[in-house]
Amino acid sequence: MEAKAIARFVRGSYRKFKKYADAVKGMTVRQARAVLEYASSPRAKVVLKTILSAFANLKYKKAPEEIDEDDVRVFVKVDTGPILKRINPRGHGRIDIKKRRYSHVTAIVKEIEEEEEE
């Protein structure tokens, strides 16, 4: 059984989120939590929050007593969101365009089958 959670329109660049998403891909929820809780970046906190939300969705689908954090694998995907373009005035009548990037973080958690554990 699997469940997913999506954090959409999160402020931050795709590349900054992808670093933390790749770091926890394939880990159990307990291992991913241990890695991301001690990362100092706010991007890591968003990835962790999305993973825990997906895990809570899985517990809701199934009976909460039956699922443990060590029995579930994490898969995280990050997509680019919209880009807001803002104008910043510069000297001699010129302008700079500042791009404010957004991302979509998708966390999927799957139960480990007993064949995979061996």
Protein backbone atom coordinates (compact mmCIF):
# COMPACT_ATOMS: atom_id res chain seq x y z
CA MET A 1 0.00 0.00 0.00
CA GLU A 2 1.19 3.52 -0.69
CA ALA A 3 0.20 7.09 0.11
CA LYS A 4 1.36 10.47 -1.05
CA ALA A 5 1.45 14.11 -0.03
CA ILE A 6 2.19 17.18 -2.12
CA ALA A 7 3.51 20.53 -0.93
CA ARG A 8 2.70 22.93 -3.76
CA PHE A 9 3.91 26.47 -4.41
CA VAL A 10 6.72 26.30 -1.88
CA ARG A 11 9.04 29.27 -2.06
CA GLY A 12 12.48 28.15 -3.19
CA SER A 13 14.42 26.91 -6.16
CA TYR A 14 14.00 23.41 -7.55
CA ARG A 15 17.75 22.71 -7.25
CA LYS A 16 17.87 23.57 -3.55
CA PHE A 17 15.02 21.18 -2.74
CA LYS A 18 16.36 18.42 -4.97
CA LYS A 19 19.53 18.14 -2.88
CA TYR A 20 17.53 17.03 0.16
CA ALA A 21 15.06 14.94 -1.82
CA ASP A 22 17.88 12.88 -3.35
CA ALA A 23 19.55 12.46 0.03
CA VAL A 24 16.58 10.57 1.52
CA LYS A 25 15.30 8.70 -1.53
CA GLY A 26 14.83 5.01 -0.74
CA MET A 27 15.34 5.37 3.01
CA THR A 28 12.84 4.36 5.65
CA VAL A 29 10.78 7.12 7.28
CA ARG A 30 12.82 6.84 10.50
CA GLN A 31 16.14 7.24 8.63
CA ALA A 32 14.83 10.15 6.55
CA ARG A 33 13.58 11.89 9.70
CA ALA A 34 17.00 11.48 11.35
CA VAL A 35 18.78 12.96 8.33
CA LEU A 36 16.43 15.90 7.71
CA GLU A 37 15.83 16.98 11.32
CA TYR A 38 19.48 17.95 11.72
CA ALA A 39 19.85 19.73 8.40
CA SER A 40 19.93 23.47 8.97
CA SER A 41 18.21 24.45 5.72
CA PRO A 42 14.56 25.50 5.68
CA ARG A 43 14.22 23.44 2.49
CA ALA A 44 15.01 20.28 4.47
CA LYS A 45 12.22 21.13 6.90
CA VAL A 46 9.70 21.39 4.05
CA VAL A 47 10.79 18.01 2.63
CA LEU A 48 10.53 16.44 6.10
CA LYS A 49 7.08 17.93 6.68
CA THR A 50 5.86 16.53 3.35
CA ILE A 51 7.26 13.06 4.14
CA LEU A 52 5.59 13.02 7.56
CA SER A 53 2.31 14.13 5.99
CA ALA A 54 2.47 11.25 3.50
CA PHE A 55 3.23 8.83 6.35
CA ALA A 56 0.21 10.16 8.27
CA ASN A 57 -1.92 9.63 5.15
CA LEU A 58 -0.74 6.02 4.99
CA LYS A 59 -1.59 5.49 8.66
CA TYR A 60 -5.05 6.93 8.02
CA LYS A 61 -5.63 4.56 5.09
CA LYS A 62 -4.62 1.56 7.16
CA ALA A 63 -4.97 0.87 10.87
CA PRO A 64 -2.45 3.10 12.77
CA GLU A 65 -1.24 0.28 15.01
CA GLU A 66 -0.12 -1.86 12.07
CA ILE A 67 2.41 0.54 10.55
CA ASP A 68 5.84 1.41 11.93
CA GLU A 69 8.31 3.99 10.57
CA ASP A 70 10.83 1.22 9.84
CA ASP A 71 8.39 -0.64 7.56
CA VAL A 72 7.88 2.22 5.08
CA ARG A 73 10.16 3.50 2.30
CA VAL A 74 10.29 7.12 1.14
CA PHE A 75 10.39 8.42 -2.44
CA VAL A 76 10.53 12.19 -2.95
CA LYS A 77 10.11 14.06 -6.22
CA VAL A 78 10.59 17.79 -6.77
CA ASP A 79 9.14 19.73 -9.71
CA THR A 80 9.45 23.34 -10.71
CA GLY A 81 6.56 25.64 -9.98
CA PRO A 82 5.71 29.03 -11.41
CA ILE A 83 8.26 31.81 -11.63
CA LEU A 84 7.23 35.33 -10.59
CA LYS A 85 9.16 38.03 -12.43
CA ARG A 86 9.73 41.32 -10.62
CA ILE A 87 11.45 44.46 -11.84
CA ASN A 88 14.35 46.06 -9.96
CA PRO A 89 15.43 49.54 -11.13
CA ARG A 90 19.15 50.05 -11.88
CA GLY A 91 21.28 52.98 -12.92
CA HIS A 92 21.01 54.87 -16.23
CA GLY A 93 17.34 53.94 -16.66
CA ARG A 94 17.95 50.21 -16.90
CA ILE A 95 16.09 47.42 -15.11
CA ASP A 96 16.96 44.01 -13.73
CA ILE A 97 14.47 41.19 -13.62
CA LYS A 98 14.39 39.22 -10.39
CA LYS A 99 12.94 35.74 -10.64
CA ARG A 100 11.13 34.39 -7.59
CA ARG A 101 11.01 30.65 -8.04
CA TYR A 102 8.53 28.20 -6.58
CA SER A 103 8.59 24.41 -6.36
CA HIS A 104 6.27 21.46 -5.85
CA VAL A 105 7.49 18.71 -3.47
CA THR A 106 5.82 15.28 -3.77
CA ALA A 107 6.47 12.57 -1.18
CA ILE A 108 5.36 8.98 -1.75
CA VAL A 109 5.64 6.37 1.00
CA LYS A 110 5.33 2.65 0.29
CA GLU A 111 5.20 -0.30 2.62
CA ILE A 112 8.18 -2.65 2.34
CA GLU A 113 7.24 -6.12 1.17
CA GLU A 114 8.74 -9.00 3.10
CA GLU A 115 10.68 -10.20 0.03
CA GLU A 116 12.53 -6.86 -0.18
CA GLU A 117 13.69 -7.07 3.44
CA GLU A 118 15.66 -10.28 2.79
